[in-house]
Amino acid sequence: LYTPEAYQAEKQIRTVNDKLRPAARRLARSFFGRVRRVETDRQGRILIPPQMREERSITGDTTIVGMGEYLEIWNSEAWHSEQAEIDESYGELLQALADSLEPSSNSEGSS
């Protein structure tokens, strides 16, 4: 769930992506093909369209997760399962992130 401003920023990033690459086109198609404008009711609640609820198995209790520039809406049971999986592999995830942030060995020694 993006604010209008965050959506525009995301749209800019995805539009600038290399349109000649099949993977970039597929990701853009998936992202833009699922975009839905949602409204709030008089009490400020977000009204999630039925198709979106069905696609994401959002029934019963939901969990809203802040992700910086956007929100994620989860089925609460799926959220708890995701968190349990993350808890089990937290160290591995941190290491993978650290590895991805390290400069590549190809750039060592070059000036």
PDB file of N, CA and C in Angstrom:
ATOM      1  N   LEU A   1       0.856  -1.157   0.000  1.00  0.00           N
ATOM      2  CA  LEU A   1       0.000   0.000   0.000  1.00  0.00           C
ATOM      3  C   LEU A   1       0.903   1.221   0.000  1.00  0.00           C
ATOM      4  N   TYR A   2       0.813   2.029  -1.048  1.00  0.00           N
ATOM      5  CA  TYR A   2       1.650   3.207  -1.198  1.00  0.00           C
ATOM      6  C   TYR A   2       0.816   4.477  -1.058  1.00  0.00           C
ATOM      7  N   THR A   3       1.433   5.524  -0.516  1.00  0.00           N
ATOM      8  CA  THR A   3       0.813   6.843  -0.598  1.00  0.00           C
ATOM      9  C   THR A   3       0.940   7.282  -2.057  1.00  0.00           C
ATOM     10  N   PRO A   4       0.149   8.267  -2.493  1.00  0.00           N
ATOM     11  CA  PRO A   4       0.298   8.730  -3.883  1.00  0.00           C
ATOM     12  C   PRO A   4       1.734   9.165  -4.208  1.00  0.00           C
ATOM     13  N   GLU A   5       2.398   9.808  -3.261  1.00  0.00           N
ATOM     14  CA  GLU A   5       3.766  10.272  -3.499  1.00  0.00           C
ATOM     15  C   GLU A   5       4.742   9.101  -3.623  1.00  0.00           C
ATOM     16  N   ALA A   6       4.606   8.133  -2.734  1.00  0.00           N
ATOM     17  CA  ALA A   6       5.492   6.966  -2.783  1.00  0.00           C
ATOM     18  C   ALA A   6       5.235   6.147  -4.044  1.00  0.00           C
ATOM     19  N   TYR A   7       3.974   6.071  -4.473  1.00  0.00           N
ATOM     20  CA  TYR A   7       3.653   5.351  -5.707  1.00  0.00           C
ATOM     21  C   TYR A   7       4.325   6.027  -6.902  1.00  0.00           C
ATOM     22  N   GLN A   8       4.268   7.356  -6.960  1.00  0.00           N
ATOM     23  CA  GLN A   8       4.897   8.078  -8.068  1.00  0.00           C
ATOM     24  C   GLN A   8       6.406   7.820  -8.103  1.00  0.00           C
ATOM     25  N   ALA A   9       7.038   7.794  -6.929  1.00  0.00           N
ATOM     26  CA  ALA A   9       8.474   7.506  -6.863  1.00  0.00           C
ATOM     27  C   ALA A   9       8.755   6.085  -7.352  1.00  0.00           C
ATOM     28  N   GLU A  10       7.942   5.127  -6.918  1.00  0.00           N
ATOM     29  CA  GLU A  10       8.104   3.731  -7.345  1.00  0.00           C
ATOM     30  C   GLU A  10       7.868   3.613  -8.845  1.00  0.00           C
ATOM     31  N   LYS A  11       6.873   4.307  -9.338  1.00  0.00           N
ATOM     32  CA  LYS A  11       6.564   4.299 -10.767  1.00  0.00           C
ATOM     33  C   LYS A  11       7.754   4.828 -11.567  1.00  0.00           C
ATOM     34  N   GLN A  12       8.365   5.896 -11.083  1.00  0.00           N
ATOM     35  CA  GLN A  12       9.530   6.473 -11.754  1.00  0.00           C
ATOM     36  C   GLN A  12      10.669   5.456 -11.830  1.00  0.00           C
ATOM     37  N   ILE A  13      10.931   4.782 -10.730  1.00  0.00           N
ATOM     38  CA  ILE A  13      12.006   3.783 -10.696  1.00  0.00           C
ATOM     39  C   ILE A  13      11.719   2.660 -11.685  1.00  0.00           C
ATOM     40  N   ARG A  14      10.498   2.163 -11.672  1.00  0.00           N
ATOM     41  CA  ARG A  14      10.153   1.028 -12.532  1.00  0.00           C
ATOM     42  C   ARG A  14      10.069   1.434 -13.996  1.00  0.00           C
ATOM     43  N   THR A  15       9.737   2.687 -14.275  1.00  0.00           N
ATOM     44  CA  THR A  15       9.640   3.159 -15.651  1.00  0.00           C
ATOM     45  C   THR A  15      11.024   3.392 -16.240  1.00  0.00           C
ATOM     46  N   VAL A  16      11.958   3.812 -15.407  1.00  0.00           N
ATOM     47  CA  VAL A  16      13.322   4.070 -15.857  1.00  0.00           C
ATOM     48  C   VAL A  16      14.060   2.764 -16.128  1.00  0.00           C
ATOM     49  N   ASN A  17      13.641   1.687 -15.465  1.00  0.00           N
ATOM     50  CA  ASN A  17      14.293   0.384 -15.650  1.00  0.00           C
ATOM     51  C   ASN A  17      14.406   0.050 -17.129  1.00  0.00           C
ATOM     52  N   ASP A  18      15.368  -0.761 -17.456  1.00  0.00           N
ATOM     53  CA  ASP A  18      15.624  -1.161 -18.833  1.00  0.00           C
ATOM     54  C   ASP A  18      14.424  -1.914 -19.400  1.00  0.00           C
ATOM     55  N   LYS A  19      13.709  -1.277 -20.319  1.00  0.00           N
ATOM     56  CA  LYS A  19      12.500  -1.879 -20.886  1.00  0.00           C
ATOM     57  C   LYS A  19      12.811  -2.977 -21.899  1.00  0.00           C
ATOM     58  N   LEU A  20      14.068  -3.093 -22.278  1.00  0.00           N
ATOM     59  CA  LEU A  20      14.444  -4.131 -23.235  1.00  0.00           C
ATOM     60  C   LEU A  20      14.690  -5.474 -22.566  1.00  0.00           C
ATOM     61  N   ARG A  21      14.842  -5.457 -21.265  1.00  0.00           N
ATOM     62  CA  ARG A  21      15.080  -6.709 -20.542  1.00  0.00           C
ATOM     63  C   ARG A  21      13.745  -7.376 -20.219  1.00  0.00           C
ATOM     64  N   PRO A  22      13.588  -8.625 -20.629  1.00  0.00           N
ATOM     65  CA  PRO A  22      12.326  -9.324 -20.364  1.00  0.00           C
ATOM     66  C   PRO A  22      11.963  -9.374 -18.883  1.00  0.00           C
ATOM     67  N   ALA A  23      12.940  -9.582 -18.006  1.00  0.00           N
ATOM     68  CA  ALA A  23      12.645  -9.664 -16.569  1.00  0.00           C
ATOM     69  C   ALA A  23      12.113  -8.335 -16.055  1.00  0.00           C
ATOM     70  N   ALA A  24      12.687  -7.216 -16.507  1.00  0.00           N
ATOM     71  CA  ALA A  24      12.218  -5.895 -16.074  1.00  0.00           C
ATOM     72  C   ALA A  24      10.785  -5.662 -16.545  1.00  0.00           C
ATOM     73  N   ARG A  25      10.487  -6.052 -17.778  1.00  0.00           N
ATOM     74  CA  ARG A  25       9.120  -5.892 -18.297  1.00  0.00           C
ATOM     75  C   ARG A  25       8.132  -6.749 -17.522  1.00  0.00           C
ATOM     76  N   ARG A  26       8.526  -7.978 -17.216  1.00  0.00           N
ATOM     77  CA  ARG A  26       7.621  -8.867 -16.471  1.00  0.00           C
ATOM     78  C   ARG A  26       7.325  -8.317 -15.086  1.00  0.00           C
ATOM     79  N   LEU A  27       8.369  -7.828 -14.403  1.00  0.00           N
ATOM     80  CA  LEU A  27       8.162  -7.258 -13.067  1.00  0.00           C
ATOM     81  C   LEU A  27       7.282  -6.015 -13.132  1.00  0.00           C
ATOM     82  N   ALA A  28       7.523  -5.153 -14.114  1.00  0.00           N
ATOM     83  CA  ALA A  28       6.697  -3.949 -14.262  1.00  0.00           C
ATOM     84  C   ALA A  28       5.253  -4.334 -14.570  1.00  0.00           C
ATOM     85  N   ARG A  29       5.066  -5.313 -15.431  1.00  0.00           N
ATOM     86  CA  ARG A  29       3.717  -5.769 -15.787  1.00  0.00           C
ATOM     87  C   ARG A  29       2.982  -6.285 -14.551  1.00  0.00           C
ATOM     88  N   SER A  30       3.682  -7.042 -13.744  1.00  0.00           N
ATOM     89  CA  SER A  30       3.073  -7.573 -12.526  1.00  0.00           C
ATOM     90  C   SER A  30       2.721  -6.452 -11.560  1.00  0.00           C
ATOM     91  N   PHE A  31       3.660  -5.525 -11.369  1.00  0.00           N
ATOM     92  CA  PHE A  31       3.431  -4.419 -10.436  1.00  0.00           C
ATOM     93  C   PHE A  31       2.276  -3.534 -10.902  1.00  0.00           C
ATOM     94  N   PHE A  32       2.365  -2.998 -12.122  1.00  0.00           N
ATOM     95  CA  PHE A  32       1.356  -2.058 -12.602  1.00  0.00           C
ATOM     96  C   PHE A  32       0.017  -2.728 -12.870  1.00  0.00           C
ATOM     97  N   GLY A  33       0.046  -4.008 -13.237  1.00  0.00           N
ATOM     98  CA  GLY A  33      -1.196  -4.727 -13.495  1.00  0.00           C
ATOM     99  C   GLY A  33      -2.031  -4.968 -12.250  1.00  0.00           C
ATOM    100  N   ARG A  34      -1.399  -4.861 -11.095  1.00  0.00           N
ATOM    101  CA  ARG A  34      -2.113  -5.110  -9.838  1.00  0.00           C
ATOM    102  C   ARG A  34      -2.426  -3.837  -9.060  1.00  0.00           C
ATOM    103  N   VAL A  35      -2.042  -2.706  -9.598  1.00  0.00           N
ATOM    104  CA  VAL A  35      -2.270  -1.443  -8.892  1.00  0.00           C
ATOM    105  C   VAL A  35      -3.766  -1.168  -8.800  1.00  0.00           C
ATOM    106  N   ARG A  36      -4.202  -0.839  -7.613  1.00  0.00           N
ATOM    107  CA  ARG A  36      -5.596  -0.456  -7.365  1.00  0.00           C
ATOM    108  C   ARG A  36      -5.596   0.775  -6.476  1.00  0.00           C
ATOM    109  N   ARG A  37      -6.388   1.745  -6.837  1.00  0.00           N
ATOM    110  CA  ARG A  37      -6.546   2.920  -5.982  1.00  0.00           C
ATOM    111  C   ARG A  37      -7.559   2.540  -4.905  1.00  0.00           C
ATOM    112  N   VAL A  38      -7.211   2.785  -3.659  1.00  0.00           N
ATOM    113  CA  VAL A  38      -8.131   2.480  -2.570  1.00  0.00           C
ATOM    114  C   VAL A  38      -8.517   3.776  -1.870  1.00  0.00           C
ATOM    115  N   GLU A  39      -9.681   3.765  -1.318  1.00  0.00           N
ATOM    116  CA  GLU A  39     -10.214   4.931  -0.617  1.00  0.00           C
ATOM    117  C   GLU A  39     -10.318   4.610   0.869  1.00  0.00           C
ATOM    118  N   THR A  40     -10.521   5.646   1.632  1.00  0.00           N
ATOM    119  CA  THR A  40     -10.781   5.460   3.058  1.00  0.00           C
ATOM    120  C   THR A  40     -12.243   5.777   3.318  1.00  0.00           C
ATOM    121  N   ASP A  41     -12.777   5.173   4.373  1.00  0.00           N
ATOM    122  CA  ASP A  41     -14.154   5.485   4.737  1.00  0.00           C
ATOM    123  C   ASP A  41     -14.162   6.717   5.642  1.00  0.00           C
ATOM    124  N   ARG A  42     -15.310   7.067   6.156  1.00  0.00           N
ATOM    125  CA  ARG A  42     -15.439   8.275   6.979  1.00  0.00           C
ATOM    126  C   ARG A  42     -14.619   8.219   8.258  1.00  0.00           C
ATOM    127  N   GLN A  43     -14.284   7.017   8.686  1.00  0.00           N
ATOM    128  CA  GLN A  43     -13.484   6.860   9.900  1.00  0.00           C
ATOM    129  C   GLN A  43     -11.995   6.709   9.591  1.00  0.00           C
ATOM    130  N   GLY A  44     -11.617   6.870   8.321  1.00  0.00           N
ATOM    131  CA  GLY A  44     -10.215   6.795   7.934  1.00  0.00           C
ATOM    132  C   GLY A  44      -9.692   5.390   7.712  1.00  0.00           C
ATOM    133  N   ARG A  45     -10.593   4.411   7.662  1.00  0.00           N
ATOM    134  CA  ARG A  45     -10.163   3.030   7.428  1.00  0.00           C
ATOM    135  C   ARG A  45      -9.959   2.799   5.932  1.00  0.00           C
ATOM    136  N   ILE A  46      -8.988   1.965   5.616  1.00  0.00           N
ATOM    137  CA  ILE A  46      -8.702   1.620   4.229  1.00  0.00           C
ATOM    138  C   ILE A  46      -9.674   0.530   3.798  1.00  0.00           C
ATOM    139  N   LEU A  47     -10.300   0.732   2.667  1.00  0.00           N
ATOM    140  CA  LEU A  47     -11.220  -0.259   2.122  1.00  0.00           C
ATOM    141  C   LEU A  47     -10.471  -1.075   1.067  1.00  0.00           C
ATOM    142  N   ILE A  48     -10.164  -2.309   1.403  1.00  0.00           N
ATOM    143  CA  ILE A  48      -9.402  -3.175   0.498  1.00  0.00           C
ATOM    144  C   ILE A  48     -10.377  -3.854  -0.460  1.00  0.00           C
ATOM    145  N   PRO A  49     -10.167  -3.678  -1.776  1.00  0.00           N
ATOM    146  CA  PRO A  49     -11.075  -4.286  -2.751  1.00  0.00           C
ATOM    147  C   PRO A  49     -11.134  -5.809  -2.589  1.00  0.00           C
ATOM    148  N   PRO A  50     -12.313  -6.406  -2.824  1.00  0.00           N
ATOM    149  CA  PRO A  50     -12.478  -7.857  -2.661  1.00  0.00           C
ATOM    150  C   PRO A  50     -11.462  -8.681  -3.455  1.00  0.00           C
ATOM    151  N   GLN A  51     -11.167  -8.293  -4.692  1.00  0.00           N
ATOM    152  CA  GLN A  51     -10.209  -9.048  -5.506  1.00  0.00           C
ATOM    153  C   GLN A  51      -8.832  -9.046  -4.849  1.00  0.00           C
ATOM    154  N   MET A  52      -8.432  -7.920  -4.298  1.00  0.00           N
ATOM    155  CA  MET A  52      -7.133  -7.828  -3.630  1.00  0.00           C
ATOM    156  C   MET A  52      -7.111  -8.701  -2.378  1.00  0.00           C
ATOM    157  N   ARG A  53      -8.211  -8.703  -1.626  1.00  0.00           N
ATOM    158  CA  ARG A  53      -8.287  -9.554  -0.426  1.00  0.00           C
ATOM    159  C   ARG A  53      -8.181 -11.022  -0.820  1.00  0.00           C
ATOM    160  N   GLU A  54      -8.859 -11.384  -1.892  1.00  0.00           N
ATOM    161  CA  GLU A  54      -8.841 -12.782  -2.336  1.00  0.00           C
ATOM    162  C   GLU A  54      -7.454 -13.190  -2.822  1.00  0.00           C
ATOM    163  N   GLU A  55      -6.813 -12.352  -3.651  1.00  0.00           N
ATOM    164  CA  GLU A  55      -5.480 -12.660  -4.181  1.00  0.00           C
ATOM    165  C   GLU A  55      -4.459 -12.878  -3.073  1.00  0.00           C
ATOM    166  N   ARG A  56      -4.608 -12.154  -1.984  1.00  0.00           N
ATOM    167  CA  ARG A  56      -3.626 -12.196  -0.902  1.00  0.00           C
ATOM    168  C   ARG A  56      -4.115 -12.965   0.321  1.00  0.00           C
ATOM    169  N   SER A  57      -5.218 -13.674   0.167  1.00  0.00           N
ATOM    170  CA  SER A  57      -5.798 -14.477   1.258  1.00  0.00           C
ATOM    171  C   SER A  57      -5.998 -13.656   2.525  1.00  0.00           C
ATOM    172  N   ILE A  58      -6.489 -12.438   2.359  1.00  0.00           N
ATOM    173  CA  ILE A  58      -6.732 -11.568   3.507  1.00  0.00           C
ATOM    174  C   ILE A  58      -8.178 -11.766   3.953  1.00  0.00           C
ATOM    175  N   THR A  59      -8.313 -12.583   4.994  1.00  0.00           N
ATOM    176  CA  THR A  59      -9.622 -12.831   5.589  1.00  0.00           C
ATOM    177  C   THR A  59      -9.448 -12.745   7.093  1.00  0.00           C
ATOM    178  N   GLY A  60     -10.478 -12.391   7.779  1.00  0.00           N
ATOM    179  CA  GLY A  60     -10.384 -12.326   9.239  1.00  0.00           C
ATOM    180  C   GLY A  60      -9.411 -11.260   9.690  1.00  0.00           C
ATOM    181  N   ASP A  61      -8.572 -11.626  10.657  1.00  0.00           N
ATOM    182  CA  ASP A  61      -7.618 -10.672  11.218  1.00  0.00           C
ATOM    183  C   ASP A  61      -6.522 -10.335  10.214  1.00  0.00           C
ATOM    184  N   THR A  62      -6.147  -9.063  10.190  1.00  0.00           N
ATOM    185  CA  THR A  62      -5.068  -8.615   9.319  1.00  0.00           C
ATOM    186  C   THR A  62      -3.989  -7.923  10.144  1.00  0.00           C
ATOM    187  N   THR A  63      -2.813  -7.875   9.580  1.00  0.00           N
ATOM    188  CA  THR A  63      -1.683  -7.192  10.198  1.00  0.00           C
ATOM    189  C   THR A  63      -1.146  -6.200   9.183  1.00  0.00           C
ATOM    190  N   ILE A  64      -0.953  -4.963   9.605  1.00  0.00           N
ATOM    191  CA  ILE A  64      -0.393  -3.932   8.742  1.00  0.00           C
ATOM    192  C   ILE A  64       1.036  -3.678   9.199  1.00  0.00           C
ATOM    193  N   VAL A  65       1.967  -3.765   8.250  1.00  0.00           N
ATOM    194  CA  VAL A  65       3.390  -3.646   8.554  1.00  0.00           C
ATOM    195  C   VAL A  65       3.958  -2.425   7.837  1.00  0.00           C
ATOM    196  N   GLY A  66       4.547  -1.509   8.596  1.00  0.00           N
ATOM    197  CA  GLY A  66       5.196  -0.345   8.005  1.00  0.00           C
ATOM    198  C   GLY A  66       6.526  -0.741   7.382  1.00  0.00           C
ATOM    199  N   MET A  67       6.734  -0.353   6.127  1.00  0.00           N
ATOM    200  CA  MET A  67       7.959  -0.697   5.403  1.00  0.00           C
ATOM    201  C   MET A  67       8.681   0.559   4.909  1.00  0.00           C
ATOM    202  N   GLY A  68       8.632   1.625   5.677  1.00  0.00           N
ATOM    203  CA  GLY A  68       9.288   2.867   5.278  1.00  0.00           C
ATOM    204  C   GLY A  68       8.400   3.684   4.365  1.00  0.00           C
ATOM    205  N   GLU A  69       8.523   3.475   3.066  1.00  0.00           N
ATOM    206  CA  GLU A  69       7.771   4.248   2.079  1.00  0.00           C
ATOM    207  C   GLU A  69       6.391   3.671   1.770  1.00  0.00           C
ATOM    208  N   TYR A  70       6.092   2.499   2.291  1.00  0.00           N
ATOM    209  CA  TYR A  70       4.808   1.871   1.996  1.00  0.00           C
ATOM    210  C   TYR A  70       4.408   0.972   3.153  1.00  0.00           C
ATOM    211  N   LEU A  71       3.182   0.462   3.087  1.00  0.00           N
ATOM    212  CA  LEU A  71       2.660  -0.477   4.081  1.00  0.00           C
ATOM    213  C   LEU A  71       2.399  -1.808   3.402  1.00  0.00           C
ATOM    214  N   GLU A  72       2.565  -2.888   4.146  1.00  0.00           N
ATOM    215  CA  GLU A  72       2.157  -4.203   3.668  1.00  0.00           C
ATOM    216  C   GLU A  72       0.971  -4.658   4.504  1.00  0.00           C
ATOM    217  N   ILE A  73      -0.004  -5.260   3.844  1.00  0.00           N
ATOM    218  CA  ILE A  73      -1.183  -5.784   4.529  1.00  0.00           C
ATOM    219  C   ILE A  73      -1.126  -7.301   4.424  1.00  0.00           C
ATOM    220  N   TRP A  74      -1.100  -7.957   5.574  1.00  0.00           N
ATOM    221  CA  TRP A  74      -0.944  -9.409   5.644  1.00  0.00           C
ATOM    222  C   TRP A  74      -2.144 -10.053   6.330  1.00  0.00           C
ATOM    223  N   ASN A  75      -2.448 -11.267   5.917  1.00  0.00           N
ATOM    224  CA  ASN A  75      -3.291 -12.136   6.709  1.00  0.00           C
ATOM    225  C   ASN A  75      -2.480 -12.394   7.979  1.00  0.00           C
ATOM    226  N   SER A  76      -3.068 -12.195   9.150  1.00  0.00           N
ATOM    227  CA  SER A  76      -2.305 -12.292  10.402  1.00  0.00           C
ATOM    228  C   SER A  76      -1.638 -13.649  10.594  1.00  0.00           C
ATOM    229  N   GLU A  77      -2.312 -14.709  10.214  1.00  0.00           N
ATOM    230  CA  GLU A  77      -1.725 -16.046  10.352  1.00  0.00           C
ATOM    231  C   GLU A  77      -0.480 -16.175   9.474  1.00  0.00           C
ATOM    232  N   ALA A  78      -0.563 -15.677   8.234  1.00  0.00           N
ATOM    233  CA  ALA A  78       0.591 -15.720   7.331  1.00  0.00           C
ATOM    234  C   ALA A  78       1.728 -14.853   7.866  1.00  0.00           C
ATOM    235  N   TRP A  79       1.377 -13.708   8.477  1.00  0.00           N
ATOM    236  CA  TRP A  79       2.400 -12.827   9.047  1.00  0.00           C
ATOM    237  C   TRP A  79       3.158 -13.531  10.175  1.00  0.00           C
ATOM    238  N   HIS A  80       2.431 -14.186  11.057  1.00  0.00           N
ATOM    239  CA  HIS A  80       3.077 -14.887  12.169  1.00  0.00           C
ATOM    240  C   HIS A  80       3.975 -16.018  11.651  1.00  0.00           C
ATOM    241  N   SER A  81       3.544 -16.701  10.615  1.00  0.00           N
ATOM    242  CA  SER A  81       4.347 -17.763  10.011  1.00  0.00           C
ATOM    243  C   SER A  81       5.623 -17.182   9.397  1.00  0.00           C
ATOM    244  N   GLU A  82       5.496 -16.071   8.694  1.00  0.00           N
ATOM    245  CA  GLU A  82       6.652 -15.390   8.097  1.00  0.00           C
ATOM    246  C   GLU A  82       7.648 -14.977   9.171  1.00  0.00           C
ATOM    247  N   GLN A  83       7.141 -14.426  10.264  1.00  0.00           N
ATOM    248  CA  GLN A  83       8.018 -13.994  11.351  1.00  0.00           C
ATOM    249  C   GLN A  83       8.750 -15.173  11.985  1.00  0.00           C
ATOM    250  N   ALA A  84       8.065 -16.298  12.130  1.00  0.00           N
ATOM    251  CA  ALA A  84       8.708 -17.496  12.688  1.00  0.00           C
ATOM    252  C   ALA A  84       9.841 -17.963  11.782  1.00  0.00           C
ATOM    253  N   GLU A  85       9.613 -17.935  10.460  1.00  0.00           N
ATOM    254  CA  GLU A  85      10.657 -18.328   9.514  1.00  0.00           C
ATOM    255  C   GLU A  85      11.844 -17.378   9.587  1.00  0.00           C
ATOM    256  N   ILE A  86      11.564 -16.079   9.689  1.00  0.00           N
ATOM    257  CA  ILE A  86      12.643 -15.088   9.793  1.00  0.00           C
ATOM    258  C   ILE A  86      13.426 -15.302  11.076  1.00  0.00           C
ATOM    259  N   ASP A  87      12.719 -15.531  12.179  1.00  0.00           N
ATOM    260  CA  ASP A  87      13.393 -15.752  13.459  1.00  0.00           C
ATOM    261  C   ASP A  87      14.359 -16.934  13.386  1.00  0.00           C
ATOM    262  N   GLU A  88      13.956 -17.992  12.681  1.00  0.00           N
ATOM    263  CA  GLU A  88      14.791 -19.188  12.569  1.00  0.00           C
ATOM    264  C   GLU A  88      16.056 -18.944  11.753  1.00  0.00           C
ATOM    265  N   SER A  89      15.990 -18.042  10.794  1.00  0.00           N
ATOM    266  CA  SER A  89      17.142 -17.836   9.901  1.00  0.00           C
ATOM    267  C   SER A  89      17.696 -16.416   9.980  1.00  0.00           C
ATOM    268  N   TYR A  90      17.489 -15.757  11.112  1.00  0.00           N
ATOM    269  CA  TYR A  90      17.875 -14.354  11.254  1.00  0.00           C
ATOM    270  C   TYR A  90      19.363 -14.134  10.984  1.00  0.00           C
ATOM    271  N   GLY A  91      20.209 -14.950  11.557  1.00  0.00           N
ATOM    272  CA  GLY A  91      21.654 -14.816  11.355  1.00  0.00           C
ATOM    273  C   GLY A  91      22.043 -14.965   9.894  1.00  0.00           C
ATOM    274  N   GLU A  92      21.456 -15.949   9.221  1.00  0.00           N
ATOM    275  CA  GLU A  92      21.738 -16.166   7.802  1.00  0.00           C
ATOM    276  C   GLU A  92      21.289 -14.975   6.968  1.00  0.00           C
ATOM    277  N   LEU A  93      20.127 -14.421   7.297  1.00  0.00           N
ATOM    278  CA  LEU A  93      19.627 -13.257   6.566  1.00  0.00           C
ATOM    279  C   LEU A  93      20.549 -12.056   6.749  1.00  0.00           C
ATOM    280  N   LEU A  94      21.013 -11.834   7.978  1.00  0.00           N
ATOM    281  CA  LEU A  94      21.945 -10.735   8.231  1.00  0.00           C
ATOM    282  C   LEU A  94      23.242 -10.927   7.451  1.00  0.00           C
ATOM    283  N   GLN A  95      23.744 -12.154   7.427  1.00  0.00           N
ATOM    284  CA  GLN A  95      24.985 -12.421   6.698  1.00  0.00           C
ATOM    285  C   GLN A  95      24.795 -12.196   5.203  1.00  0.00           C
ATOM    286  N   ALA A  96      23.676 -12.649   4.657  1.00  0.00           N
ATOM    287  CA  ALA A  96      23.403 -12.452   3.231  1.00  0.00           C
ATOM    288  C   ALA A  96      23.319 -10.963   2.903  1.00  0.00           C
ATOM    289  N   LEU A  97      22.695 -10.195   3.786  1.00  0.00           N
ATOM    290  CA  LEU A  97      22.607  -8.751   3.577  1.00  0.00           C
ATOM    291  C   LEU A  97      23.992  -8.124   3.637  1.00  0.00           C
ATOM    292  N   ALA A  98      24.784  -8.499   4.633  1.00  0.00           N
ATOM    293  CA  ALA A  98      26.145  -7.969   4.760  1.00  0.00           C
ATOM    294  C   ALA A  98      26.973  -8.316   3.524  1.00  0.00           C
ATOM    295  N   ASP A  99      26.852  -9.550   3.046  1.00  0.00           N
ATOM    296  CA  ASP A  99      27.594  -9.972   1.856  1.00  0.00           C
ATOM    297  C   ASP A  99      27.198  -9.148   0.637  1.00  0.00           C
ATOM    298  N   SER A 100      25.914  -8.828   0.521  1.00  0.00           N
ATOM    299  CA  SER A 100      25.452  -8.068  -0.643  1.00  0.00           C
ATOM    300  C   SER A 100      25.899  -6.614  -0.592  1.00  0.00           C
ATOM    301  N   LEU A 101      26.246  -6.125   0.592  1.00  0.00           N
ATOM    302  CA  LEU A 101      26.678  -4.735   0.735  1.00  0.00           C
ATOM    303  C   LEU A 101      28.184  -4.563   0.586  1.00  0.00           C
ATOM    304  N   GLU A 102      28.931  -5.662   0.642  1.00  0.00           N
ATOM    305  CA  GLU A 102      30.382  -5.584   0.502  1.00  0.00           C
ATOM    306  C   GLU A 102      30.744  -5.251  -0.936  1.00  0.00           C
ATOM    307  N   PRO A 103      31.784  -4.404  -1.108  1.00  0.00           N
ATOM    308  CA  PRO A 103      32.236  -4.119  -2.480  1.00  0.00           C
ATOM    309  C   PRO A 103      32.707  -5.409  -3.136  1.00  0.00           C
ATOM    310  N   SER A 104      32.487  -5.517  -4.424  1.00  0.00           N
ATOM    311  CA  SER A 104      32.893  -6.749  -5.109  1.00  0.00           C
ATOM    312  C   SER A 104      34.407  -6.850  -5.129  1.00  0.00           C
ATOM    313  N   SER A 105      34.894  -8.072  -5.156  1.00  0.00           N
ATOM    314  CA  SER A 105      36.339  -8.300  -5.140  1.00  0.00           C
ATOM    315  C   SER A 105      36.985  -7.817  -6.435  1.00  0.00           C
ATOM    316  N   ASN A 106      36.184  -7.633  -7.500  1.00  0.00           N
ATOM    317  CA  ASN A 106      36.723  -7.152  -8.773  1.00  0.00           C
ATOM    318  C   ASN A 106      37.178  -5.710  -8.699  1.00  0.00           C
ATOM    319  N   SER A 107      36.649  -4.934  -7.758  1.00  0.00           N
ATOM    320  CA  SER A 107      36.995  -3.522  -7.686  1.00  0.00           C
ATOM    321  C   SER A 107      38.202  -3.275  -6.795  1.00  0.00           C
ATOM    322  N   GLU A 108      38.692  -4.317  -6.117  1.00  0.00           N
ATOM    323  CA  GLU A 108      39.848  -4.156  -5.240  1.00  0.00           C
ATOM    324  C   GLU A 108      41.086  -3.873  -6.076  1.00  0.00           C
ATOM    325  N   GLY A 109      41.874  -2.934  -5.591  1.00  0.00           N
ATOM    326  CA  GLY A 109      43.137  -2.647  -6.233  1.00  0.00           C
ATOM    327  C   GLY A 109      43.024  -1.799  -7.483  1.00  0.00           C
ATOM    328  N   SER A 110      41.839  -1.479  -7.931  1.00  0.00           N
ATOM    329  CA  SER A 110      41.712  -0.627  -9.111  1.00  0.00           C
ATOM    330  C   SER A 110      41.611   0.817  -8.678  1.00  0.00           C
ATOM    331  N   SER A 111      42.119   1.713  -9.496  1.00  0.00           N
ATOM    332  CA  SER A 111      42.052   3.130  -9.147  1.00  0.00           C
ATOM    333  C   SER A 111      41.537   3.950 -10.281  1.00  0.00           C
TER     334      SER A 111
END
